[in-house]
Amino acid sequence: ILFLKNELVITESWISRARPGATHHRHKHPNALFSIVYYADCPS
């Protein structure tokens, strides 16, 4: 999609867990180029 010739690799990996009523504040991910999030269990 981006047609990047550069090789990009995973530098950090984590999980987030939001209990009922919890919300994640506005933020950015420093020291990274791209981030990826996968919703493992999230009704909506």
All heavy atoms as atom14 arrays in JSON, in Angstrom:
{
  "sequence": "ILFLKNELVITESWISRARPGATHHRHKHPNALFSIVYYADCPS",
  "atom14_mask": [
    [1, 1, 1, 1, 1, 1, 1, 1, 0, 0, 0, 0, 0, 0],
    [1, 1, 1, 1, 1, 1, 1, 1, 0, 0, 0, 0, 0, 0],
    [1, 1, 1, 1, 1, 1, 1, 1, 1, 1, 1, 0, 0, 0],
    [1, 1, 1, 1, 1, 1, 1, 1, 0, 0, 0, 0, 0, 0],
    [1, 1, 1, 1, 1, 1, 1, 1, 1, 0, 0, 0, 0, 0],
    [1, 1, 1, 1, 1, 1, 1, 1, 0, 0, 0, 0, 0, 0],
    [1, 1, 1, 1, 1, 1, 1, 1, 1, 0, 0, 0, 0, 0],
    [1, 1, 1, 1, 1, 1, 1, 1, 0, 0, 0, 0, 0, 0],
    [1, 1, 1, 1, 1, 1, 1, 0, 0, 0, 0, 0, 0, 0],
    [1, 1, 1, 1, 1, 1, 1, 1, 0, 0, 0, 0, 0, 0],
    [1, 1, 1, 1, 1, 1, 1, 0, 0, 0, 0, 0, 0, 0],
    [1, 1, 1, 1, 1, 1, 1, 1, 1, 0, 0, 0, 0, 0],
    [1, 1, 1, 1, 1, 1, 0, 0, 0, 0, 0, 0, 0, 0],
    [1, 1, 1, 1, 1, 1, 1, 1, 1, 1, 1, 1, 1, 1],
    [1, 1, 1, 1, 1, 1, 1, 1, 0, 0, 0, 0, 0, 0],
    [1, 1, 1, 1, 1, 1, 0, 0, 0, 0, 0, 0, 0, 0],
    [1, 1, 1, 1, 1, 1, 1, 1, 1, 1, 1, 0, 0, 0],
    [1, 1, 1, 1, 1, 0, 0, 0, 0, 0, 0, 0, 0, 0],
    [1, 1, 1, 1, 1, 1, 1, 1, 1, 1, 1, 0, 0, 0],
    [1, 1, 1, 1, 1, 1, 1, 0, 0, 0, 0, 0, 0, 0],
    [1, 1, 1, 1, 0, 0, 0, 0, 0, 0, 0, 0, 0, 0],
    [1, 1, 1, 1, 1, 0, 0, 0, 0, 0, 0, 0, 0, 0],
    [1, 1, 1, 1, 1, 1, 1, 0, 0, 0, 0, 0, 0, 0],
    [1, 1, 1, 1, 1, 1, 1, 1, 1, 1, 0, 0, 0, 0],
    [1, 1, 1, 1, 1, 1, 1, 1, 1, 1, 0, 0, 0, 0],
    [1, 1, 1, 1, 1, 1, 1, 1, 1, 1, 1, 0, 0, 0],
    [1, 1, 1, 1, 1, 1, 1, 1, 1, 1, 0, 0, 0, 0],
    [1, 1, 1, 1, 1, 1, 1, 1, 1, 0, 0, 0, 0, 0],
    [1, 1, 1, 1, 1, 1, 1, 1, 1, 1, 0, 0, 0, 0],
    [1, 1, 1, 1, 1, 1, 1, 0, 0, 0, 0, 0, 0, 0],
    [1, 1, 1, 1, 1, 1, 1, 1, 0, 0, 0, 0, 0, 0],
    [1, 1, 1, 1, 1, 0, 0, 0, 0, 0, 0, 0, 0, 0],
    [1, 1, 1, 1, 1, 1, 1, 1, 0, 0, 0, 0, 0, 0],
    [1, 1, 1, 1, 1, 1, 1, 1, 1, 1, 1, 0, 0, 0],
    [1, 1, 1, 1, 1, 1, 0, 0, 0, 0, 0, 0, 0, 0],
    [1, 1, 1, 1, 1, 1, 1, 1, 0, 0, 0, 0, 0, 0],
    [1, 1, 1, 1, 1, 1, 1, 0, 0, 0, 0, 0, 0, 0],
    [1, 1, 1, 1, 1, 1, 1, 1, 1, 1, 1, 1, 0, 0],
    [1, 1, 1, 1, 1, 1, 1, 1, 1, 1, 1, 1, 0, 0],
    [1, 1, 1, 1, 1, 0, 0, 0, 0, 0, 0, 0, 0, 0],
    [1, 1, 1, 1, 1, 1, 1, 1, 0, 0, 0, 0, 0, 0],
    [1, 1, 1, 1, 1, 1, 0, 0, 0, 0, 0, 0, 0, 0],
    [1, 1, 1, 1, 1, 1, 1, 0, 0, 0, 0, 0, 0, 0],
    [1, 1, 1, 1, 1, 1, 0, 0, 0, 0, 0, 0, 0, 0]
  ],
  "atom14_positions": [
    [[0.84, -1.21, 0.0], [0.0, 0.0, 0.0], [0.87, 1.25, 0.0], [0.65, 2.17, -0.8], [-0.97, -0.01, 1.2], [-1.95, -1.18, 1.04], [-1.72, 1.31, 1.31], [-2.94, -1.33, 2.16], [0.0, 0.0, 0.0], [0.0, 0.0, 0.0], [0.0, 0.0, 0.0], [0.0, 0.0, 0.0], [0.0, 0.0, 0.0], [0.0, 0.0, 0.0]],
    [[1.88, 1.3, 0.88], [2.78, 2.45, 0.91], [3.96, 2.28, -0.04], [4.66, 3.26, -0.34], [3.31, 2.68, 2.33], [2.27, 3.02, 3.4], [2.98, 3.35, 4.7], [1.37, 4.16, 2.97], [0.0, 0.0, 0.0], [0.0, 0.0, 0.0], [0.0, 0.0, 0.0], [0.0, 0.0, 0.0], [0.0, 0.0, 0.0], [0.0, 0.0, 0.0]],
    [[4.23, 1.04, -0.48], [5.35, 0.73, -1.38], [6.69, 1.18, -0.78], [7.55, 1.71, -1.47], [5.14, 1.37, -2.76], [3.91, 0.86, -3.46], [2.73, 1.58, -3.45], [3.94, -0.37, -4.1], [1.6, 1.09, -4.08], [2.81, -0.87, -4.74], [1.63, -0.13, -4.73], [0.0, 0.0, 0.0], [0.0, 0.0, 0.0], [0.0, 0.0, 0.0]],
    [[6.85, 0.94, 0.5], [8.1, 1.25, 1.19], [9.17, 0.21, 0.86], [8.91, -0.99, 0.91], [7.88, 1.27, 2.7], [7.34, 2.53, 3.34], [7.1, 2.29, 4.82], [8.31, 3.69, 3.16], [0.0, 0.0, 0.0], [0.0, 0.0, 0.0], [0.0, 0.0, 0.0], [0.0, 0.0, 0.0], [0.0, 0.0, 0.0], [0.0, 0.0, 0.0]],
    [[10.35, 0.67, 0.52], [11.48, -0.24, 0.33], [12.22, -0.46, 1.65], [12.89, -1.47, 1.83], [12.44, 0.33, -0.72], [11.84, 0.37, -2.12], [12.76, 1.06, -3.1], [14.02, 0.27, -3.37], [14.87, 0.89, -4.4], [0.0, 0.0, 0.0], [0.0, 0.0, 0.0], [0.0, 0.0, 0.0], [0.0, 0.0, 0.0], [0.0, 0.0, 0.0]],
    [[12.07, 0.5, 2.59], [12.7, 0.35, 3.9], [12.1, -0.85, 4.63], [10.91, -1.12, 4.52], [12.47, 1.6, 4.77], [12.86, 2.86, 4.06], [12.08, 3.39, 3.28], [14.05, 3.36, 4.33], [0.0, 0.0, 0.0], [0.0, 0.0, 0.0], [0.0, 0.0, 0.0], [0.0, 0.0, 0.0], [0.0, 0.0, 0.0], [0.0, 0.0, 0.0]],
    [[12.92, -1.52, 5.44], [12.42, -2.63, 6.24], [12.03, -2.1, 7.62], [12.86, -1.55, 8.34], [13.48, -3.73, 6.38], [12.94, -4.96, 7.07], [13.92, -6.1, 7.09], [15.03, -5.95, 6.53], [13.59, -7.16, 7.68], [0.0, 0.0, 0.0], [0.0, 0.0, 0.0], [0.0, 0.0, 0.0], [0.0, 0.0, 0.0], [0.0, 0.0, 0.0]],
    [[10.76, -2.29, 7.96], [10.26, -1.89, 9.27], [10.01, -3.12, 10.12], [9.52, -4.14, 9.63], [8.96, -1.09, 9.12], [9.1, 0.43, 8.95], [9.92, 0.77, 7.71], [7.73, 1.1, 8.86], [0.0, 0.0, 0.0], [0.0, 0.0, 0.0], [0.0, 0.0, 0.0], [0.0, 0.0, 0.0], [0.0, 0.0, 0.0], [0.0, 0.0, 0.0]],
    [[10.36, -3.01, 11.4], [10.25, -4.16, 12.3], [9.56, -3.73, 13.6], [9.5, -2.55, 13.94], [11.63, -4.76, 12.64], [12.27, -5.34, 11.4], [12.53, -3.7, 13.27], [0.0, 0.0, 0.0], [0.0, 0.0, 0.0], [0.0, 0.0, 0.0], [0.0, 0.0, 0.0], [0.0, 0.0, 0.0], [0.0, 0.0, 0.0], [0.0, 0.0, 0.0]],
    [[9.06, -4.72, 14.31], [8.4, -4.48, 15.59], [9.43, -4.06, 16.63], [10.45, -4.74, 16.82], [7.66, -5.74, 16.06], [6.53, -6.11, 15.08], [7.1, -5.55, 17.47], [5.92, -7.46, 15.34], [0.0, 0.0, 0.0], [0.0, 0.0, 0.0], [0.0, 0.0, 0.0], [0.0, 0.0, 0.0], [0.0, 0.0, 0.0], [0.0, 0.0, 0.0]],
    [[9.16, -2.95, 17.3], [10.06, -2.49, 18.37], [9.42, -2.61, 19.75], [10.13, -2.71, 20.76], [10.46, -1.02, 18.15], [9.27, -0.22, 18.02], [11.29, -0.88, 16.88], [0.0, 0.0, 0.0], [0.0, 0.0, 0.0], [0.0, 0.0, 0.0], [0.0, 0.0, 0.0], [0.0, 0.0, 0.0], [0.0, 0.0, 0.0], [0.0, 0.0, 0.0]],
    [[8.1, -2.58, 19.8], [7.37, -2.73, 21.06], [6.09, -3.51, 20.79], [5.52, -3.42, 19.71], [7.0, -1.38, 21.67], [8.13, -0.6, 22.28], [7.61, 0.64, 23.0], [7.08, 1.53, 22.31], [7.72, 0.72, 24.23], [0.0, 0.0, 0.0], [0.0, 0.0, 0.0], [0.0, 0.0, 0.0], [0.0, 0.0, 0.0], [0.0, 0.0, 0.0]],
    [[5.65, -4.24, 21.79], [4.37, -4.94, 21.69], [3.76, -5.02, 23.09], [4.48, -5.23, 24.07], [4.55, -6.34, 21.09], [5.55, -7.07, 21.78], [0.0, 0.0, 0.0], [0.0, 0.0, 0.0], [0.0, 0.0, 0.0], [0.0, 0.0, 0.0], [0.0, 0.0, 0.0], [0.0, 0.0, 0.0], [0.0, 0.0, 0.0], [0.0, 0.0, 0.0]],
    [[2.47, -4.87, 23.18], [1.82, -4.76, 24.49], [0.35, -5.16, 24.36], [-0.17, -5.38, 23.26], [1.92, -3.33, 25.02], [1.1, -2.35, 24.22], [-0.19, -1.97, 24.44], [1.51, -1.66, 23.02], [-0.61, -1.1, 23.47], [0.4, -0.89, 22.59], [2.68, -1.62, 22.28], [0.46, -0.08, 21.44], [2.74, -0.83, 21.14], [1.64, -0.07, 20.74]],
    [[-0.32, -5.22, 25.49], [-1.78, -5.36, 25.48], [-2.36, -4.2, 26.31], [-1.68, -3.65, 27.19], [-2.27, -6.71, 26.06], [-1.93, -6.85, 27.57], [-1.7, -7.85, 25.26], [-3.07, -6.55, 28.5], [0.0, 0.0, 0.0], [0.0, 0.0, 0.0], [0.0, 0.0, 0.0], [0.0, 0.0, 0.0], [0.0, 0.0, 0.0], [0.0, 0.0, 0.0]],
    [[-3.57, -3.84, 25.98], [-4.32, -2.91, 26.83], [-5.61, -3.59, 27.25], [-6.2, -4.35, 26.47], [-4.62, -1.59, 26.11], [-5.57, -1.77, 25.09], [0.0, 0.0, 0.0], [0.0, 0.0, 0.0], [0.0, 0.0, 0.0], [0.0, 0.0, 0.0], [0.0, 0.0, 0.0], [0.0, 0.0, 0.0], [0.0, 0.0, 0.0], [0.0, 0.0, 0.0]],
    [[-6.0, -3.33, 28.49], [-7.21, -3.95, 29.04], [-8.08, -2.85, 29.64], [-7.66, -2.15, 30.57], [-6.85, -4.98, 30.09], [-8.03, -5.85, 30.5], [-7.58, -7.07, 31.29], [-7.3, -6.76, 32.68], [-6.32, -7.31, 33.39], [-5.5, -8.16, 32.83], [-6.15, -6.99, 34.65], [0.0, 0.0, 0.0], [0.0, 0.0, 0.0], [0.0, 0.0, 0.0]],
    [[-9.27, -2.69, 29.07], [-10.19, -1.66, 29.55], [-11.33, -2.32, 30.31], [-12.15, -3.05, 29.73], [-10.74, -0.85, 28.38], [0.0, 0.0, 0.0], [0.0, 0.0, 0.0], [0.0, 0.0, 0.0], [0.0, 0.0, 0.0], [0.0, 0.0, 0.0], [0.0, 0.0, 0.0], [0.0, 0.0, 0.0], [0.0, 0.0, 0.0], [0.0, 0.0, 0.0]],
    [[-11.38, -2.08, 31.58], [-12.48, -2.6, 32.38], [-13.76, -1.83, 32.04], [-13.7, -0.77, 31.41], [-12.15, -2.46, 33.87], [-10.96, -3.32, 34.3], [-10.77, -3.28, 35.8], [-9.74, -4.21, 36.22], [-8.62, -3.87, 36.86], [-8.39, -2.6, 37.13], [-7.74, -4.77, 37.21], [0.0, 0.0, 0.0], [0.0, 0.0, 0.0], [0.0, 0.0, 0.0]],
    [[-14.92, -2.33, 32.43], [-16.16, -1.6, 32.15], [-16.08, -0.16, 32.64], [-15.69, 0.11, 33.77], [-17.22, -2.4, 32.93], [-16.67, -3.8, 32.93], [-15.17, -3.64, 33.06], [0.0, 0.0, 0.0], [0.0, 0.0, 0.0], [0.0, 0.0, 0.0], [0.0, 0.0, 0.0], [0.0, 0.0, 0.0], [0.0, 0.0, 0.0], [0.0, 0.0, 0.0]],
    [[-16.41, 0.77, 31.75], [-16.38, 2.2, 32.08], [-15.04, 2.87, 31.81], [-14.95, 4.09, 31.81], [0.0, 0.0, 0.0], [0.0, 0.0, 0.0], [0.0, 0.0, 0.0], [0.0, 0.0, 0.0], [0.0, 0.0, 0.0], [0.0, 0.0, 0.0], [0.0, 0.0, 0.0], [0.0, 0.0, 0.0], [0.0, 0.0, 0.0], [0.0, 0.0, 0.0]],
    [[-13.98, 2.08, 31.57], [-12.65, 2.65, 31.38], [-12.51, 3.25, 29.99], [-13.13, 2.8, 29.02], [-11.58, 1.59, 31.59], [0.0, 0.0, 0.0], [0.0, 0.0, 0.0], [0.0, 0.0, 0.0], [0.0, 0.0, 0.0], [0.0, 0.0, 0.0], [0.0, 0.0, 0.0], [0.0, 0.0, 0.0], [0.0, 0.0, 0.0], [0.0, 0.0, 0.0]],
    [[-11.68, 4.28, 29.89], [-11.4, 4.91, 28.61], [-9.91, 5.22, 28.51], [-9.25, 5.47, 29.52], [-12.22, 6.21, 28.45], [-11.99, 6.76, 27.14], [-11.84, 7.24, 29.5], [0.0, 0.0, 0.0], [0.0, 0.0, 0.0], [0.0, 0.0, 0.0], [0.0, 0.0, 0.0], [0.0, 0.0, 0.0], [0.0, 0.0, 0.0], [0.0, 0.0, 0.0]],
    [[-9.38, 5.19, 27.29], [-7.97, 5.49, 27.08], [-7.83, 6.95, 26.68], [-8.43, 7.39, 25.7], [-7.38, 4.58, 26.0], [-5.92, 4.38, 26.14], [-5.25, 3.32, 25.57], [-4.97, 5.09, 26.8], [-3.96, 3.39, 25.87], [-3.77, 4.46, 26.61], [0.0, 0.0, 0.0], [0.0, 0.0, 0.0], [0.0, 0.0, 0.0], [0.0, 0.0, 0.0]],
    [[-7.03, 7.7, 27.43], [-6.87, 9.14, 27.22], [-6.24, 9.43, 25.85], [-5.64, 8.56, 25.21], [-5.98, 9.73, 28.32], [-4.57, 9.26, 28.25], [-4.18, 7.97, 28.55], [-3.42, 9.9, 27.88], [-2.88, 7.84, 28.38], [-2.39, 8.99, 27.96], [0.0, 0.0, 0.0], [0.0, 0.0, 0.0], [0.0, 0.0, 0.0], [0.0, 0.0, 0.0]],
    [[-6.35, 10.66, 25.41], [-5.74, 11.09, 24.14], [-4.22, 11.03, 24.26], [-3.64, 11.56, 25.19], [-6.19, 12.53, 23.82], [-5.72, 13.07, 22.48], [-6.34, 14.46, 22.26], [-5.96, 15.01, 20.97], [-4.9, 15.79, 20.76], [-4.1, 16.1, 21.77], [-4.64, 16.26, 19.55], [0.0, 0.0, 0.0], [0.0, 0.0, 0.0], [0.0, 0.0, 0.0]],
    [[-3.58, 10.37, 23.29], [-2.14, 10.18, 23.37], [-1.57, 9.86, 21.99], [-2.31, 9.61, 21.04], [-1.79, 9.05, 24.34], [-2.28, 7.71, 23.88], [-3.61, 7.34, 23.92], [-1.63, 6.64, 23.37], [-3.76, 6.13, 23.46], [-2.57, 5.67, 23.1], [0.0, 0.0, 0.0], [0.0, 0.0, 0.0], [0.0, 0.0, 0.0], [0.0, 0.0, 0.0]],
    [[-0.24, 9.88, 21.91], [0.49, 9.46, 20.71], [1.47, 8.38, 21.13], [1.66, 8.13, 22.33], [1.25, 10.65, 20.09], [0.35, 11.81, 19.69], [1.18, 12.98, 19.14], [0.3, 14.17, 18.79], [1.11, 15.31, 18.26], [0.0, 0.0, 0.0], [0.0, 0.0, 0.0], [0.0, 0.0, 0.0], [0.0, 0.0, 0.0], [0.0, 0.0, 0.0]],
    [[2.12, 7.74, 20.16], [3.11, 6.71, 20.46], [4.5, 7.22, 20.07], [4.86, 7.18, 18.89], [2.78, 5.42, 19.71], [1.51, 4.77, 20.15], [0.87, 3.79, 19.43], [0.76, 4.97, 21.27], [-0.21, 3.41, 20.07], [-0.3, 4.11, 21.19], [0.0, 0.0, 0.0], [0.0, 0.0, 0.0], [0.0, 0.0, 0.0], [0.0, 0.0, 0.0]],
    [[5.27, 7.72, 21.02], [6.6, 8.26, 20.7], [7.58, 7.18, 20.27], [7.4, 5.99, 20.57], [7.03, 8.92, 22.01], [6.29, 8.17, 23.07], [4.98, 7.78, 22.47], [0.0, 0.0, 0.0], [0.0, 0.0, 0.0], [0.0, 0.0, 0.0], [0.0, 0.0, 0.0], [0.0, 0.0, 0.0], [0.0, 0.0, 0.0], [0.0, 0.0, 0.0]],
    [[8.64, 7.62, 19.59], [9.74, 6.74, 19.18], [9.28, 5.59, 18.29], [9.79, 4.46, 18.38], [10.47, 6.18, 20.41], [10.97, 7.28, 21.32], [11.53, 8.27, 20.86], [10.74, 7.13, 22.62], [0.0, 0.0, 0.0], [0.0, 0.0, 0.0], [0.0, 0.0, 0.0], [0.0, 0.0, 0.0], [0.0, 0.0, 0.0], [0.0, 0.0, 0.0]],
    [[8.29, 5.86, 17.45], [7.78, 4.86, 16.51], [7.36, 5.55, 15.22], [7.09, 6.76, 15.21], [6.61, 4.1, 17.12], [0.0, 0.0, 0.0], [0.0, 0.0, 0.0], [0.0, 0.0, 0.0], [0.0, 0.0, 0.0], [0.0, 0.0, 0.0], [0.0, 0.0, 0.0], [0.0, 0.0, 0.0], [0.0, 0.0, 0.0], [0.0, 0.0, 0.0]],
    [[7.32, 4.8, 14.14], [6.84, 5.32, 12.86], [5.36, 4.98, 12.65], [4.57, 5.84, 12.28], [7.67, 4.75, 11.71], [9.14, 5.16, 11.68], [9.85, 4.48, 10.52], [9.26, 6.68, 11.55], [0.0, 0.0, 0.0], [0.0, 0.0, 0.0], [0.0, 0.0, 0.0], [0.0, 0.0, 0.0], [0.0, 0.0, 0.0], [0.0, 0.0, 0.0]],
    [[5.02, 3.71, 12.88], [3.64, 3.27, 12.73], [3.24, 2.43, 13.94], [4.08, 1.81, 14.58], [3.48, 2.43, 11.45], [3.51, 3.23, 10.19], [4.71, 3.41, 9.51], [2.37, 3.8, 9.67], [4.77, 4.14, 8.34], [2.4, 4.55, 8.5], [3.6, 4.72, 7.83], [0.0, 0.0, 0.0], [0.0, 0.0, 0.0], [0.0, 0.0, 0.0]],
    [[1.95, 2.45, 14.21], [1.4, 1.61, 15.27], [0.3, 0.74, 14.67], [-0.35, 1.11, 13.69], [0.81, 2.47, 16.39], [1.83, 3.2, 17.05], [0.0, 0.0, 0.0], [0.0, 0.0, 0.0], [0.0, 0.0, 0.0], [0.0, 0.0, 0.0], [0.0, 0.0, 0.0], [0.0, 0.0, 0.0], [0.0, 0.0, 0.0], [0.0, 0.0, 0.0]],
    [[0.12, -0.42, 15.28], [-0.93, -1.33, 14.84], [-1.67, -1.83, 16.08], [-1.05, -2.12, 17.11], [-0.33, -2.5, 14.03], [-1.41, -3.41, 13.48], [0.68, -3.27, 14.83], [-0.88, -4.36, 12.39], [0.0, 0.0, 0.0], [0.0, 0.0, 0.0], [0.0, 0.0, 0.0], [0.0, 0.0, 0.0], [0.0, 0.0, 0.0], [0.0, 0.0, 0.0]],
    [[-2.99, -1.85, 16.02], [-3.78, -2.36, 17.13], [-4.76, -3.41, 16.6], [-5.39, -3.21, 15.55], [-4.54, -1.25, 17.89], [-3.58, -0.39, 18.68], [-5.36, -0.39, 16.95], [0.0, 0.0, 0.0], [0.0, 0.0, 0.0], [0.0, 0.0, 0.0], [0.0, 0.0, 0.0], [0.0, 0.0, 0.0], [0.0, 0.0, 0.0], [0.0, 0.0, 0.0]],
    [[-4.87, -4.5, 17.34], [-5.78, -5.59, 16.99], [-6.74, -5.78, 18.15], [-6.32, -5.93, 19.3], [-5.0, -6.88, 16.72], [-5.89, -8.09, 16.66], [-6.77, -8.28, 15.6], [-5.86, -9.04, 17.69], [-7.61, -9.39, 15.57], [-6.69, -10.16, 17.65], [-7.56, -10.32, 16.59], [-8.4, -11.41, 16.56], [0.0, 0.0, 0.0], [0.0, 0.0, 0.0]],
    [[-8.03, -5.76, 17.85], [-9.06, -5.88, 18.88], [-9.37, -7.36, 19.12], [-10.13, -7.98, 18.38], [-10.3, -5.08, 18.46], [-10.03, -3.6, 18.49], [-9.43, -2.95, 17.41], [-10.32, -2.84, 19.63], [-9.12, -1.6, 17.46], [-10.03, -1.48, 19.68], [-9.43, -0.88, 18.6], [-9.13, 0.46, 18.65], [0.0, 0.0, 0.0], [0.0, 0.0, 0.0]],
    [[-8.73, -7.89, 20.16], [-8.84, -9.32, 20.45], [-10.18, -9.68, 21.05], [-10.71, -10.77, 20.8], [-7.71, -9.74, 21.4], [0.0, 0.0, 0.0], [0.0, 0.0, 0.0], [0.0, 0.0, 0.0], [0.0, 0.0, 0.0], [0.0, 0.0, 0.0], [0.0, 0.0, 0.0], [0.0, 0.0, 0.0], [0.0, 0.0, 0.0], [0.0, 0.0, 0.0]],
    [[-10.75, -8.8, 21.86], [-12.06, -9.03, 22.47], [-12.7, -7.68, 22.73], [-12.34, -6.98, 23.67], [-11.92, -9.82, 23.77], [-13.27, -10.33, 24.29], [-14.3, -10.07, 23.64], [-13.29, -10.99, 25.35], [0.0, 0.0, 0.0], [0.0, 0.0, 0.0], [0.0, 0.0, 0.0], [0.0, 0.0, 0.0], [0.0, 0.0, 0.0], [0.0, 0.0, 0.0]],
    [[-13.64, -7.32, 21.86], [-14.23, -5.98, 21.93], [-15.58, -6.02, 21.23], [-15.65, -5.87, 20.0], [-13.29, -4.98, 21.25], [-13.97, -3.33, 21.08], [0.0, 0.0, 0.0], [0.0, 0.0, 0.0], [0.0, 0.0, 0.0], [0.0, 0.0, 0.0], [0.0, 0.0, 0.0], [0.0, 0.0, 0.0], [0.0, 0.0, 0.0], [0.0, 0.0, 0.0]],
    [[-16.67, -6.21, 21.98], [-17.99, -6.27, 21.34], [-18.28, -5.06, 20.46], [-18.77, -5.2, 19.35], [-18.95, -6.34, 22.53], [-18.14, -6.95, 23.63], [-16.75, -6.43, 23.43], [0.0, 0.0, 0.0], [0.0, 0.0, 0.0], [0.0, 0.0, 0.0], [0.0, 0.0, 0.0], [0.0, 0.0, 0.0], [0.0, 0.0, 0.0], [0.0, 0.0, 0.0]],
    [[-17.96, -3.87, 20.93], [-18.08, -2.65, 20.11], [-17.43, -1.49, 20.86], [-17.48, -1.41, 22.08], [-19.54, -2.32, 19.81], [-20.24, -1.98, 21.0], [0.0, 0.0, 0.0], [0.0, 0.0, 0.0], [0.0, 0.0, 0.0], [0.0, 0.0, 0.0], [0.0, 0.0, 0.0], [0.0, 0.0, 0.0], [0.0, 0.0, 0.0], [0.0, 0.0, 0.0]]
  ]
}
